[in-house]
PDB file of N, CA and C in Angstrom:
ATOM      1  N   VAL A   1       0.913  -1.122   0.270  1.00  0.00           N
ATOM      2  CA  VAL A   1      -0.029  -0.140  -0.007  1.00  0.00           C
ATOM      3  C   VAL A   1       0.681   1.184   0.096  1.00  0.00           C
ATOM      4  N   ASP A   2       2.145   1.152   1.004  1.00  0.00           N
ATOM      5  CA  ASP A   2       2.910   2.309   1.081  1.00  0.00           C
ATOM      6  C   ASP A   2       3.324   2.557  -0.284  1.00  0.00           C
ATOM      7  N   ALA A   3       3.954   1.461  -1.024  1.00  0.00           N
ATOM      8  CA  ALA A   3       4.668   1.839  -2.162  1.00  0.00           C
ATOM      9  C   ALA A   3       3.755   2.050  -3.474  1.00  0.00           C
ATOM     10  N   ILE A   4       2.461   1.689  -3.400  1.00  0.00           N
ATOM     11  CA  ILE A   4       1.520   2.497  -4.350  1.00  0.00           C
ATOM     12  C   ILE A   4       0.935   3.872  -4.020  1.00  0.00           C
ATOM     13  N   LYS A   5       1.204   4.233  -2.828  1.00  0.00           N
ATOM     14  CA  LYS A   5       0.730   5.423  -2.634  1.00  0.00           C
ATOM     15  C   LYS A   5       2.089   6.360  -2.891  1.00  0.00           C
ATOM     16  N   THR A   6       3.346   5.883  -2.821  1.00  0.00           N
ATOM     17  CA  THR A   6       4.444   6.592  -3.183  1.00  0.00           C
ATOM     18  C   THR A   6       4.604   6.981  -4.479  1.00  0.00           C
ATOM     19  N   TYR A   7       4.421   5.620  -5.300  1.00  0.00           N
ATOM     20  CA  TYR A   7       4.415   6.090  -6.841  1.00  0.00           C
ATOM     21  C   TYR A   7       3.349   6.872  -7.276  1.00  0.00           C
ATOM     22  N   SER A   8       2.224   7.023  -6.883  1.00  0.00           N
ATOM     23  CA  SER A   8       1.059   7.938  -7.474  1.00  0.00           C
ATOM     24  C   SER A   8       1.440   9.342  -6.841  1.00  0.00           C
ATOM     25  N   GLU A   9       1.919   9.460  -5.840  1.00  0.00           N
ATOM     26  CA  GLU A   9       2.246  10.841  -5.350  1.00  0.00           C
ATOM     27  C   GLU A   9       3.525  11.392  -6.216  1.00  0.00           C
ATOM     28  N   ALA A  10       4.358  10.649  -6.521  1.00  0.00           N
ATOM     29  CA  ALA A  10       5.634  10.799  -7.365  1.00  0.00           C
ATOM     30  C   ALA A  10       5.079  11.021  -8.919  1.00  0.00           C
ATOM     31  N   LYS A  11       3.713  10.245  -9.763  1.00  0.00           N
ATOM     32  CA  LYS A  11       3.383  10.584 -10.620  1.00  0.00           C
ATOM     33  C   LYS A  11       2.757  12.101 -10.685  1.00  0.00           C
ATOM     34  N   LYS A  12       2.548  12.418  -9.599  1.00  0.00           N
ATOM     35  CA  LYS A  12       1.423  13.214  -9.770  1.00  0.00           C
ATOM     36  C   LYS A  12      -0.443  13.025  -9.816  1.00  0.00           C
ATOM     37  N   TRP A  13      -0.128  11.901  -9.215  1.00  0.00           N
ATOM     38  CA  TRP A  13      -1.732  11.161  -9.251  1.00  0.00           C
ATOM     39  C   TRP A  13      -2.246  11.537  -8.163  1.00  0.00           C
ATOM     40  N   GLN A  14      -3.529  11.092  -8.125  1.00  0.00           N
ATOM     41  CA  GLN A  14      -4.585  11.623  -6.729  1.00  0.00           C
ATOM     42  C   GLN A  14      -4.620  10.366  -6.230  1.00  0.00           C
ATOM     43  N   TYR A  15      -4.129   9.997  -4.925  1.00  0.00           N
ATOM     44  CA  TYR A  15      -3.789   9.137  -3.919  1.00  0.00           C
ATOM     45  C   TYR A  15      -5.208   9.340  -3.364  1.00  0.00           C
ATOM     46  N   LEU A  16      -6.335   8.475  -3.379  1.00  0.00           N
ATOM     47  CA  LEU A  16      -7.541   8.737  -2.775  1.00  0.00           C
ATOM     48  C   LEU A  16      -7.670   7.880  -1.226  1.00  0.00           C
ATOM     49  N   GLY A  17      -6.747   7.053  -1.367  1.00  0.00           N
ATOM     50  CA  GLY A  17      -6.839   6.414   0.056  1.00  0.00           C
ATOM     51  C   GLY A  17      -6.850   5.008   0.230  1.00  0.00           C
ATOM     52  N   ALA A  18      -6.899   4.288   1.161  1.00  0.00           N
ATOM     53  CA  ALA A  18      -6.561   2.705   1.326  1.00  0.00           C
ATOM     54  C   ALA A  18      -7.539   2.852   2.630  1.00  0.00           C
ATOM     55  N   THR A  19      -8.513   1.514   2.269  1.00  0.00           N
ATOM     56  CA  THR A  19      -9.529   1.176   3.583  1.00  0.00           C
ATOM     57  C   THR A  19      -9.362  -0.327   3.102  1.00  0.00           C
ATOM     58  N   LYS A  20      -9.180  -0.941   4.606  1.00  0.00           N
ATOM     59  CA  LYS A  20      -9.410  -1.738   4.969  1.00  0.00           C
ATOM     60  C   LYS A  20     -11.096  -2.616   5.360  1.00  0.00           C
ATOM     61  N   VAL A  21     -10.967  -3.889   4.447  1.00  0.00           N
ATOM     62  CA  VAL A  21     -12.500  -4.751   4.597  1.00  0.00           C
ATOM     63  C   VAL A  21     -12.114  -5.835   4.898  1.00  0.00           C
ATOM     64  N   LYS A  22     -13.418  -6.643   4.807  1.00  0.00           N
ATOM     65  CA  LYS A  22     -13.347  -8.018   5.131  1.00  0.00           C
ATOM     66  C   LYS A  22     -12.534  -8.703   6.366  1.00  0.00           C
ATOM     67  N   ASN A  23     -12.627  -7.790   7.599  1.00  0.00           N
ATOM     68  CA  ASN A  23     -12.243  -8.343   8.789  1.00  0.00           C
ATOM     69  C   ASN A  23     -10.680  -7.795   8.657  1.00  0.00           C
ATOM     70  N   ASN A  24     -10.091  -6.557   8.190  1.00  0.00           N
ATOM     71  CA  ASN A  24      -9.152  -6.398   7.576  1.00  0.00           C
ATOM     72  C   ASN A  24      -8.080  -7.161   7.140  1.00  0.00           C
ATOM     73  N   GLU A  25      -8.520  -8.360   6.073  1.00  0.00           N
ATOM     74  CA  GLU A  25      -8.111  -9.129   5.501  1.00  0.00           C
ATOM     75  C   GLU A  25      -7.488  -8.672   4.068  1.00  0.00           C
ATOM     76  N   VAL A  26      -8.358  -7.457   3.393  1.00  0.00           N
ATOM     77  CA  VAL A  26      -8.357  -6.789   2.048  1.00  0.00           C
ATOM     78  C   VAL A  26      -8.076  -5.135   2.372  1.00  0.00           C
ATOM     79  N   THR A  27      -7.283  -4.996   1.867  1.00  0.00           N
ATOM     80  CA  THR A  27      -6.996  -3.418   1.746  1.00  0.00           C
ATOM     81  C   THR A  27      -7.153  -2.989   0.059  1.00  0.00           C
ATOM     82  N   LEU A  28      -8.467  -2.056   0.108  1.00  0.00           N
ATOM     83  CA  LEU A  28      -8.697  -1.716  -0.891  1.00  0.00           C
ATOM     84  C   LEU A  28      -8.034  -0.405  -1.192  1.00  0.00           C
ATOM     85  N   VAL A  29      -7.520   0.172  -2.124  1.00  0.00           N
ATOM     86  CA  VAL A  29      -6.675   1.103  -2.645  1.00  0.00           C
ATOM     87  C   VAL A  29      -7.213   1.883  -3.955  1.00  0.00           C
ATOM     88  N   LYS A  30      -7.434   2.990  -4.006  1.00  0.00           N
ATOM     89  CA  LYS A  30      -8.079   3.890  -5.087  1.00  0.00           C
ATOM     90  C   LYS A  30      -6.903   4.814  -5.482  1.00  0.00           C
ATOM     91  N   VAL A  31      -6.426   5.211  -6.651  1.00  0.00           N
ATOM     92  CA  VAL A  31      -5.628   6.138  -7.083  1.00  0.00           C
ATOM     93  C   VAL A  31      -6.319   6.607  -8.462  1.00  0.00           C
ATOM     94  N   CYS A  32      -6.227   7.769  -9.075  1.00  0.00           N
ATOM     95  CA  CYS A  32      -6.659   8.492 -10.002  1.00  0.00           C
ATOM     96  C   CYS A  32      -5.911   9.268 -10.666  1.00  0.00           C
ATOM     97  N   ILE A  33      -5.610   8.800 -12.054  1.00  0.00           N
ATOM     98  CA  ILE A  33      -4.931   9.628 -13.248  1.00  0.00           C
ATOM     99  C   ILE A  33      -5.544  10.729 -13.598  1.00  0.00           C
ATOM    100  N   PRO A  34      -4.992  11.950 -13.271  1.00  0.00           N
ATOM    101  CA  PRO A  34      -5.505  13.234 -14.136  1.00  0.00           C
ATOM    102  C   PRO A  34      -5.794  13.019 -15.459  1.00  0.00           C
ATOM    103  N   GLU A  35      -4.785  12.711 -15.966  1.00  0.00           N
ATOM    104  CA  GLU A  35      -4.590  13.124 -17.227  1.00  0.00           C
ATOM    105  C   GLU A  35      -5.694  11.883 -18.229  1.00  0.00           C
ATOM    106  N   ILE A  36      -5.935  10.746 -17.835  1.00  0.00           N
ATOM    107  CA  ILE A  36      -7.175  10.255 -18.030  1.00  0.00           C
ATOM    108  C   ILE A  36      -8.404  10.731 -17.688  1.00  0.00           C
ATOM    109  N   GLY A  37      -8.747  11.648 -16.788  1.00  0.00           N
ATOM    110  CA  GLY A  37      -9.924  11.900 -16.554  1.00  0.00           C
ATOM    111  C   GLY A  37      -9.966  12.867 -17.580  1.00  0.00           C
ATOM    112  N   LYS A  38      -9.299  13.849 -17.839  1.00  0.00           N
ATOM    113  CA  LYS A  38      -9.251  14.736 -18.916  1.00  0.00           C
ATOM    114  C   LYS A  38     -10.416  14.165 -20.269  1.00  0.00           C
ATOM    115  N   LEU A  39      -9.973  13.152 -20.195  1.00  0.00           N
ATOM    116  CA  LEU A  39     -10.384  12.260 -21.347  1.00  0.00           C
ATOM    117  C   LEU A  39     -11.977  11.945 -21.140  1.00  0.00           C
ATOM    118  N   VAL A  40     -12.341  11.719 -19.807  1.00  0.00           N
ATOM    119  CA  VAL A  40     -13.686  11.324 -19.222  1.00  0.00           C
ATOM    120  C   VAL A  40     -14.692  12.390 -18.906  1.00  0.00           C
ATOM    121  N   TRP A  41     -13.883  13.161 -18.256  1.00  0.00           N
ATOM    122  CA  TRP A  41     -14.792  14.327 -17.640  1.00  0.00           C
ATOM    123  C   TRP A  41     -15.539  15.288 -18.800  1.00  0.00           C
ATOM    124  N   PRO A  42     -15.359  15.229 -20.115  1.00  0.00           N
ATOM    125  CA  PRO A  42     -15.869  16.257 -21.162  1.00  0.00           C
ATOM    126  C   PRO A  42     -16.991  15.122 -21.465  1.00  0.00           C
ATOM    127  N   GLN A  43     -17.096  13.846 -20.926  1.00  0.00           N
ATOM    128  CA  GLN A  43     -18.415  13.074 -21.471  1.00  0.00           C
ATOM    129  C   GLN A  43     -19.701  13.526 -20.481  1.00  0.00           C
ATOM    130  N   GLY A  44     -19.200  14.363 -19.794  1.00  0.00           N
ATOM    131  CA  GLY A  44     -20.275  15.080 -18.590  1.00  0.00           C
ATOM    132  C   GLY A  44     -19.849  14.191 -17.400  1.00  0.00           C
ATOM    133  N   PRO A  45     -20.659  14.991 -16.154  1.00  0.00           N
ATOM    134  CA  PRO A  45     -20.564  14.241 -14.767  1.00  0.00           C
ATOM    135  C   PRO A  45     -21.155  12.927 -14.329  1.00  0.00           C
ATOM    136  N   HIS A  46     -22.071  12.640 -15.221  1.00  0.00           N
ATOM    137  CA  HIS A  46     -22.557  11.389 -14.741  1.00  0.00           C
ATOM    138  C   HIS A  46     -21.644  10.228 -15.015  1.00  0.00           C
ATOM    139  N   MET A  47     -20.319  10.493 -15.610  1.00  0.00           N
ATOM    140  CA  MET A  47     -19.163   9.566 -15.929  1.00  0.00           C
ATOM    141  C   MET A  47     -18.222   9.313 -14.932  1.00  0.00           C
ATOM    142  N   SER A  48     -18.452   9.909 -13.796  1.00  0.00           N
ATOM    143  CA  SER A  48     -17.699  10.447 -12.838  1.00  0.00           C
ATOM    144  C   SER A  48     -17.486   9.272 -11.889  1.00  0.00           C
ATOM    145  N   ALA A  49     -18.443   8.088 -12.092  1.00  0.00           N
ATOM    146  CA  ALA A  49     -18.283   6.806 -11.252  1.00  0.00           C
ATOM    147  C   ALA A  49     -17.189   6.064 -12.020  1.00  0.00           C
ATOM    148  N   LEU A  50     -17.219   6.098 -13.195  1.00  0.00           N
ATOM    149  CA  LEU A  50     -16.104   5.716 -14.252  1.00  0.00           C
ATOM    150  C   LEU A  50     -14.628   6.112 -14.216  1.00  0.00           C
ATOM    151  N   LEU A  51     -14.432   7.128 -13.934  1.00  0.00           N
ATOM    152  CA  LEU A  51     -13.074   7.847 -13.828  1.00  0.00           C
ATOM    153  C   LEU A  51     -11.873   6.676 -13.866  1.00  0.00           C
ATOM    154  N   PRO A  52     -11.243   6.744 -14.422  1.00  0.00           N
ATOM    155  CA  PRO A  52      -9.867   5.962 -14.563  1.00  0.00           C
ATOM    156  C   PRO A  52      -9.173   5.858 -13.271  1.00  0.00           C
ATOM    157  N   CYS A  53      -9.677   5.374 -12.366  1.00  0.00           N
ATOM    158  CA  CYS A  53      -9.026   5.090 -11.099  1.00  0.00           C
ATOM    159  C   CYS A  53      -8.486   4.013 -10.924  1.00  0.00           C
ATOM    160  N   GLY A  54      -7.468   3.528 -10.402  1.00  0.00           N
ATOM    161  CA  GLY A  54      -6.545   2.273 -10.054  1.00  0.00           C
ATOM    162  C   GLY A  54      -7.667   1.664  -9.270  1.00  0.00           C
ATOM    163  N   ASN A  55      -8.371   0.751  -9.217  1.00  0.00           N
ATOM    164  CA  ASN A  55      -9.129   0.122  -8.183  1.00  0.00           C
ATOM    165  C   ASN A  55      -8.639  -1.430  -7.870  1.00  0.00           C
ATOM    166  N   LEU A  56      -7.707  -1.127  -6.607  1.00  0.00           N
ATOM    167  CA  LEU A  56      -6.706  -2.416  -6.043  1.00  0.00           C
ATOM    168  C   LEU A  56      -7.325  -3.190  -5.227  1.00  0.00           C
ATOM    169  N   GLY A  57      -7.206  -4.273  -4.863  1.00  0.00           N
ATOM    170  CA  GLY A  57      -7.391  -5.271  -3.562  1.00  0.00           C
ATOM    171  C   GLY A  57      -5.986  -5.611  -3.305  1.00  0.00           C
ATOM    172  N   ILE A  58      -5.544  -5.455  -1.896  1.00  0.00           N
ATOM    173  CA  ILE A  58      -4.298  -6.131  -1.503  1.00  0.00           C
ATOM    174  C   ILE A  58      -4.521  -6.814  -0.142  1.00  0.00           C
ATOM    175  N   TYR A  59      -3.974  -8.074  -0.278  1.00  0.00           N
ATOM    176  CA  TYR A  59      -4.517  -9.033   0.450  1.00  0.00           C
ATOM    177  C   TYR A  59      -3.251 -10.205   0.683  1.00  0.00           C
ATOM    178  N   LYS A  60      -3.388 -11.353   1.367  1.00  0.00           N
ATOM    179  CA  LYS A  60      -2.293 -12.277   1.716  1.00  0.00           C
ATOM    180  C   LYS A  60      -2.673 -13.685   1.366  1.00  0.00           C
ATOM    181  N   LYS A  61      -2.126 -13.900   0.397  1.00  0.00           N
ATOM    182  CA  LYS A  61      -2.442 -15.328   0.114  1.00  0.00           C
ATOM    183  C   LYS A  61      -1.296 -16.272   0.147  1.00  0.00           C
ATOM    184  N   GLY A  62      -1.371 -17.419   1.220  1.00  0.00           N
ATOM    185  CA  GLY A  62      -0.313 -18.533   1.218  1.00  0.00           C
ATOM    186  C   GLY A  62       1.075 -17.630   1.790  1.00  0.00           C
ATOM    187  N   GLY A  63       0.909 -16.480   2.655  1.00  0.00           N
ATOM    188  CA  GLY A  63       1.892 -15.872   3.225  1.00  0.00           C
ATOM    189  C   GLY A  63       2.639 -15.174   2.373  1.00  0.00           C
ATOM    190  N   LYS A  64       2.076 -14.505   1.033  1.00  0.00           N
ATOM    191  CA  LYS A  64       2.645 -13.627   0.078  1.00  0.00           C
ATOM    192  C   LYS A  64       1.428 -12.619   0.088  1.00  0.00           C
ATOM    193  N   THR A  65       1.785 -11.274   0.026  1.00  0.00           N
ATOM    194  CA  THR A  65       1.178 -10.104  -0.946  1.00  0.00           C
ATOM    195  C   THR A  65       0.490 -10.445  -2.052  1.00  0.00           C
ATOM    196  N   GLU A  66      -0.878 -10.620  -2.219  1.00  0.00           N
ATOM    197  CA  GLU A  66      -1.099 -10.304  -3.858  1.00  0.00           C
ATOM    198  C   GLU A  66      -1.776  -9.355  -3.890  1.00  0.00           C
ATOM    199  N   VAL A  67      -2.101  -8.747  -5.316  1.00  0.00           N
ATOM    200  CA  VAL A  67      -2.859  -7.394  -5.164  1.00  0.00           C
ATOM    201  C   VAL A  67      -3.648  -7.656  -6.612  1.00  0.00           C
ATOM    202  N   SER A  68      -4.883  -7.606  -6.821  1.00  0.00           N
ATOM    203  CA  SER A  68      -5.768  -7.411  -8.111  1.00  0.00           C
ATOM    204  C   SER A  68      -6.226  -6.187  -8.219  1.00  0.00           C
ATOM    205  N   MET A  69      -6.142  -5.978  -9.543  1.00  0.00           N
ATOM    206  CA  MET A  69      -6.327  -4.753 -10.057  1.00  0.00           C
ATOM    207  C   MET A  69      -7.650  -4.914 -11.098  1.00  0.00           C
ATOM    208  N   LEU A  70      -8.747  -3.732 -11.176  1.00  0.00           N
ATOM    209  CA  LEU A  70      -9.628  -3.588 -11.943  1.00  0.00           C
ATOM    210  C   LEU A  70      -8.892  -3.307 -13.569  1.00  0.00           C
ATOM    211  N   HIS A  71      -9.230  -4.121 -14.427  1.00  0.00           N
ATOM    212  CA  HIS A  71      -8.692  -3.604 -15.733  1.00  0.00           C
ATOM    213  C   HIS A  71      -9.446  -2.610 -16.264  1.00  0.00           C
ATOM    214  N   ALA A  72      -8.491  -1.468 -16.849  1.00  0.00           N
ATOM    215  CA  ALA A  72      -9.084  -0.441 -17.395  1.00  0.00           C
ATOM    216  C   ALA A  72     -10.089  -0.815 -18.299  1.00  0.00           C
ATOM    217  N   SER A  73     -10.128  -1.375 -19.224  1.00  0.00           N
ATOM    218  CA  SER A  73     -11.136  -1.734 -20.276  1.00  0.00           C
ATOM    219  C   SER A  73     -12.793  -1.559 -19.408  1.00  0.00           C
ATOM    220  N   TYR A  74     -12.730  -1.850 -18.633  1.00  0.00           N
ATOM    221  CA  TYR A  74     -14.126  -1.781 -17.887  1.00  0.00           C
ATOM    222  C   TYR A  74     -14.994  -0.467 -18.436  1.00  0.00           C
ATOM    223  N   MET A  75     -13.884   0.591 -18.107  1.00  0.00           N
ATOM    224  CA  MET A  75     -14.792   1.645 -18.683  1.00  0.00           C
ATOM    225  C   MET A  75     -15.318   1.415 -20.309  1.00  0.00           C
ATOM    226  N   HIS A  76     -14.415   1.353 -20.952  1.00  0.00           N
ATOM    227  CA  HIS A  76     -14.998   1.018 -22.698  1.00  0.00           C
ATOM    228  C   HIS A  76     -16.371  -0.100 -22.738  1.00  0.00           C
ATOM    229  N   LYS A  77     -16.146  -1.110 -21.884  1.00  0.00           N
ATOM    230  CA  LYS A  77     -17.177  -2.182 -21.962  1.00  0.00           C
ATOM    231  C   LYS A  77     -18.322  -1.347 -21.404  1.00  0.00           C
ATOM    232  N   LEU A  78     -18.090  -0.697 -20.667  1.00  0.00           N
ATOM    233  CA  LEU A  78     -19.702  -0.072 -20.002  1.00  0.00           C
ATOM    234  C   LEU A  78     -20.349   0.917 -20.944  1.00  0.00           C
ATOM    235  N   VAL A  79     -19.148   1.471 -21.467  1.00  0.00           N
ATOM    236  CA  VAL A  79     -19.776   2.745 -21.951  1.00  0.00           C
ATOM    237  C   VAL A  79     -18.739   2.662 -23.322  1.00  0.00           C
ATOM    238  N   PRO A  80     -19.465   2.072 -24.201  1.00  0.00           N
ATOM    239  CA  PRO A  80     -18.848   1.571 -25.574  1.00  0.00           C
ATOM    240  C   PRO A  80     -18.665   2.824 -26.759  1.00  0.00           C
ATOM    241  N   THR A  81     -17.996   3.800 -26.237  1.00  0.00           N
ATOM    242  CA  THR A  81     -17.773   5.167 -26.745  1.00  0.00           C
ATOM    243  C   THR A  81     -16.189   5.234 -27.529  1.00  0.00           C
ATOM    244  N   PRO A  82     -15.725   5.842 -28.691  1.00  0.00           N
ATOM    245  CA  PRO A  82     -14.581   6.280 -28.730  1.00  0.00           C
ATOM    246  C   PRO A  82     -13.786   6.790 -27.555  1.00  0.00           C
ATOM    247  N   GLU A  83     -14.313   7.664 -27.078  1.00  0.00           N
ATOM    248  CA  GLU A  83     -13.757   8.644 -26.119  1.00  0.00           C
ATOM    249  C   GLU A  83     -13.296   7.803 -24.971  1.00  0.00           C
ATOM    250  N   MET A  84     -14.228   6.629 -24.550  1.00  0.00           N
ATOM    251  CA  MET A  84     -13.762   5.579 -23.483  1.00  0.00           C
ATOM    252  C   MET A  84     -12.839   4.993 -23.957  1.00  0.00           C
ATOM    253  N   GLU A  85     -13.142   4.292 -25.365  1.00  0.00           N
ATOM    254  CA  GLU A  85     -11.884   3.038 -25.546  1.00  0.00           C
ATOM    255  C   GLU A  85     -10.361   4.086 -25.581  1.00  0.00           C
ATOM    256  N   GLU A  86     -10.519   5.447 -25.786  1.00  0.00           N
ATOM    257  CA  GLU A  86      -9.286   6.141 -25.508  1.00  0.00           C
ATOM    258  C   GLU A  86      -8.902   6.191 -24.235  1.00  0.00           C
ATOM    259  N   ALA A  87      -9.944   6.458 -23.234  1.00  0.00           N
ATOM    260  CA  ALA A  87      -9.061   6.295 -22.058  1.00  0.00           C
ATOM    261  C   ALA A  87      -8.856   5.401 -21.418  1.00  0.00           C
ATOM    262  N   SER A  88      -9.592   4.046 -21.727  1.00  0.00           N
ATOM    263  CA  SER A  88      -9.243   2.777 -21.353  1.00  0.00           C
ATOM    264  C   SER A  88      -7.572   2.120 -21.899  1.00  0.00           C
ATOM    265  N   THR A  89      -7.582   2.557 -23.031  1.00  0.00           N
ATOM    266  CA  THR A  89      -6.181   1.987 -23.732  1.00  0.00           C
ATOM    267  C   THR A  89      -5.100   2.758 -23.368  1.00  0.00           C
ATOM    268  N   THR A  90      -5.409   4.287 -22.939  1.00  0.00           N
ATOM    269  CA  THR A  90      -4.424   5.276 -22.257  1.00  0.00           C
ATOM    270  C   THR A  90      -3.869   4.704 -20.660  1.00  0.00           C
ATOM    271  N   ALA A  91      -5.183   4.404 -19.835  1.00  0.00           N
ATOM    272  CA  ALA A  91      -4.922   4.219 -18.429  1.00  0.00           C
ATOM    273  C   ALA A  91      -4.404   2.832 -18.653  1.00  0.00           C
ATOM    274  N   GLN A  92      -4.633   1.513 -18.921  1.00  0.00           N
ATOM    275  CA  GLN A  92      -4.303   0.187 -18.566  1.00  0.00           C
ATOM    276  C   GLN A  92      -2.725   0.480 -18.443  1.00  0.00           C
ATOM    277  N   PRO A  93      -1.626   0.897 -19.551  1.00  0.00           N
ATOM    278  CA  PRO A  93      -0.542   0.645 -19.483  1.00  0.00           C
ATOM    279  C   PRO A  93       0.237   1.603 -18.169  1.00  0.00           C
ATOM    280  N   LEU A  94      -0.500   2.805 -17.979  1.00  0.00           N
ATOM    281  CA  LEU A  94      -0.031   3.217 -16.950  1.00  0.00           C
ATOM    282  C   LEU A  94      -0.466   2.651 -15.798  1.00  0.00           C
ATOM    283  N   LEU A  95      -1.535   2.086 -15.443  1.00  0.00           N
ATOM    284  CA  LEU A  95      -1.572   1.234 -14.080  1.00  0.00           C
ATOM    285  C   LEU A  95      -0.798  -0.004 -14.397  1.00  0.00           C
ATOM    286  N   GLU A  96      -0.463  -0.652 -15.106  1.00  0.00           N
ATOM    287  CA  GLU A  96       0.638  -1.652 -15.344  1.00  0.00           C
ATOM    288  C   GLU A  96       1.936  -1.376 -14.912  1.00  0.00           C
ATOM    289  N   ASP A  97       2.089  -0.385 -15.432  1.00  0.00           N
ATOM    290  CA  ASP A  97       3.579   0.517 -14.865  1.00  0.00           C
ATOM    291  C   ASP A  97       3.699   0.445 -13.659  1.00  0.00           C
ATOM    292  N   MET A  98       2.522   0.914 -13.002  1.00  0.00           N
ATOM    293  CA  MET A  98       2.588   1.121 -11.553  1.00  0.00           C
ATOM    294  C   MET A  98       2.759  -0.018 -10.823  1.00  0.00           C
ATOM    295  N   LEU A  99       1.886  -0.927 -11.284  1.00  0.00           N
ATOM    296  CA  LEU A  99       2.070  -2.225 -10.550  1.00  0.00           C
ATOM    297  C   LEU A  99       3.517  -2.989 -10.674  1.00  0.00           C
ATOM    298  N   ASN A 100       3.863  -2.692 -11.727  1.00  0.00           N
ATOM    299  CA  ASN A 100       5.375  -3.198 -12.191  1.00  0.00           C
ATOM    300  C   ASN A 100       6.475  -2.880 -11.610  1.00  0.00           C
ATOM    301  N   ASN A 101       6.378  -1.313 -11.510  1.00  0.00           N
ATOM    302  CA  ASN A 101       7.427  -0.228 -10.809  1.00  0.00           C
ATOM    303  C   ASN A 101       7.191  -0.239  -9.057  1.00  0.00           C
ATOM    304  N   ALA A 102       6.144  -0.378  -8.596  1.00  0.00           N
ATOM    305  CA  ALA A 102       5.854  -0.153  -7.510  1.00  0.00           C
ATOM    306  C   ALA A 102       5.777  -1.195  -6.468  1.00  0.00           C
ATOM    307  N   LEU A 103       5.657  -2.145  -6.960  1.00  0.00           N
ATOM    308  CA  LEU A 103       5.508  -3.612  -6.496  1.00  0.00           C
ATOM    309  C   LEU A 103       6.485  -4.443  -6.749  1.00  0.00           C
ATOM    310  N   LYS A 104       7.937  -3.840  -6.496  1.00  0.00           N
ATOM    311  CA  LYS A 104       9.180  -4.817  -7.019  1.00  0.00           C
ATOM    312  C   LYS A 104       9.587  -5.126  -5.943  1.00  0.00           C
TER     313      LYS A 104
END
Protein backbone atom coordinates (compact mmCIF):
# COMPACT_ATOMS: atom_id res chain seq x y z
CA VAL A 1 0.00 0.00 0.00
CA ASP A 2 2.80 2.40 0.89
CA ALA A 3 4.61 1.65 -2.39
CA ILE A 4 1.49 2.41 -4.41
CA LYS A 5 0.94 5.65 -2.49
CA THR A 6 4.56 6.72 -3.02
CA TYR A 7 4.43 5.84 -6.72
CA SER A 8 1.15 7.66 -7.34
CA GLU A 9 2.30 10.76 -5.48
CA ALA A 10 5.57 10.83 -7.45
CA LYS A 11 3.53 10.68 -10.68
CA LYS A 12 1.29 13.51 -9.41
CA TRP A 13 -1.71 11.19 -9.44
CA GLN A 14 -4.45 11.53 -6.87
CA TYR A 15 -4.06 9.00 -4.08
CA LEU A 16 -7.60 8.66 -2.75
CA GLY A 17 -6.71 6.34 0.07
CA ALA A 18 -6.81 2.83 1.39
CA THR A 19 -9.59 1.13 3.30
CA LYS A 20 -9.45 -2.17 5.13
CA VAL A 21 -12.40 -4.50 4.54
CA LYS A 22 -13.32 -8.15 5.17
CA ASN A 23 -12.16 -8.16 8.80
CA ASN A 24 -8.97 -6.29 7.83
CA GLU A 25 -7.98 -9.11 5.44
CA VAL A 26 -8.16 -6.96 2.29
CA THR A 27 -7.03 -3.39 1.72
CA LEU A 28 -8.79 -1.54 -1.07
CA VAL A 29 -6.64 1.17 -2.66
CA LYS A 30 -7.78 3.84 -5.09
CA VAL A 31 -5.66 6.19 -7.19
CA CYS A 32 -6.78 8.47 -10.02
CA ILE A 33 -4.78 9.49 -13.06
CA PRO A 34 -5.54 13.13 -13.97
CA GLU A 35 -4.54 12.86 -17.64
CA ILE A 36 -7.10 10.10 -18.10
CA GLY A 37 -9.72 12.09 -16.26
CA LYS A 38 -9.32 14.76 -18.92
CA LEU A 39 -10.60 12.21 -21.45
CA VAL A 40 -13.59 11.21 -19.32
CA TRP A 41 -14.81 14.50 -17.80
CA PRO A 42 -15.85 16.04 -21.15
CA GLN A 43 -18.41 13.25 -21.51
CA GLY A 44 -20.29 14.64 -18.52
CA PRO A 45 -20.38 14.38 -14.73
CA HIS A 46 -22.55 11.26 -15.00
CA MET A 47 -19.36 9.44 -16.02
CA SER A 48 -17.62 10.25 -12.74
CA ALA A 49 -18.16 6.74 -11.38
CA LEU A 50 -16.15 5.41 -14.33
CA LEU A 51 -13.18 7.68 -13.82
CA PRO A 52 -9.93 5.90 -14.63
CA CYS A 53 -8.97 5.18 -11.11
CA GLY A 54 -6.85 2.26 -10.17
CA ASN A 55 -9.05 0.02 -8.10
CA LEU A 56 -6.79 -2.39 -6.29
CA GLY A 57 -7.28 -5.08 -3.69
CA ILE A 58 -4.26 -6.06 -1.59
CA TYR A 59 -4.35 -9.20 0.53
CA LYS A 60 -2.26 -12.12 1.81
CA LYS A 61 -2.43 -15.54 0.19
CA GLY A 62 -0.18 -18.38 1.24
CA GLY A 63 1.99 -15.95 3.22
CA LYS A 64 2.57 -13.70 0.19
CA THR A 65 1.10 -10.33 -0.61
CA GLU A 66 -1.21 -10.48 -3.63
CA VAL A 67 -2.60 -7.56 -5.62
CA SER A 68 -5.67 -7.57 -7.81
CA MET A 69 -6.52 -4.65 -10.08
CA LEU A 70 -9.57 -3.83 -12.12
CA HIS A 71 -8.55 -3.74 -15.80
CA ALA A 72 -9.14 -0.30 -17.32
CA SER A 73 -11.07 -1.82 -20.21
CA TYR A 74 -14.14 -1.86 -17.95
CA MET A 75 -14.73 1.78 -18.86
CA HIS A 76 -15.08 1.05 -22.57
CA LYS A 77 -17.06 -2.12 -21.99
CA LEU A 78 -19.62 -0.25 -19.91
CA VAL A 79 -19.67 2.83 -22.15
CA PRO A 80 -18.67 1.75 -25.67
CA THR A 81 -17.75 5.14 -27.08
CA PRO A 82 -14.54 6.14 -28.87
CA GLU A 83 -13.74 8.47 -25.97
CA MET A 84 -13.98 5.68 -23.40
CA GLU A 85 -11.96 3.40 -25.61
CA GLU A 86 -9.19 6.01 -25.69
CA ALA A 87 -9.40 6.46 -21.91
CA SER A 88 -9.25 2.70 -21.34
CA THR A 89 -6.36 2.02 -23.69
CA THR A 90 -4.40 4.98 -22.33
CA ALA A 91 -5.00 4.11 -18.67
CA GLN A 92 -4.17 0.41 -18.71
CA PRO A 93 -0.43 0.69 -19.49
CA LEU A 94 -0.09 3.46 -16.89
CA LEU A 95 -1.68 1.24 -14.24
CA GLU A 96 0.43 -1.75 -15.29
CA ASP A 97 3.55 0.40 -15.04
CA MET A 98 2.50 1.34 -11.52
CA LEU A 99 2.21 -2.33 -10.58
CA ASN A 100 5.50 -3.26 -12.25
CA ASN A 101 7.46 -0.43 -10.64
CA ALA A 102 5.81 0.11 -7.27
CA LEU A 103 5.56 -3.55 -6.37
CA LYS A 104 9.07 -4.80 -7.11
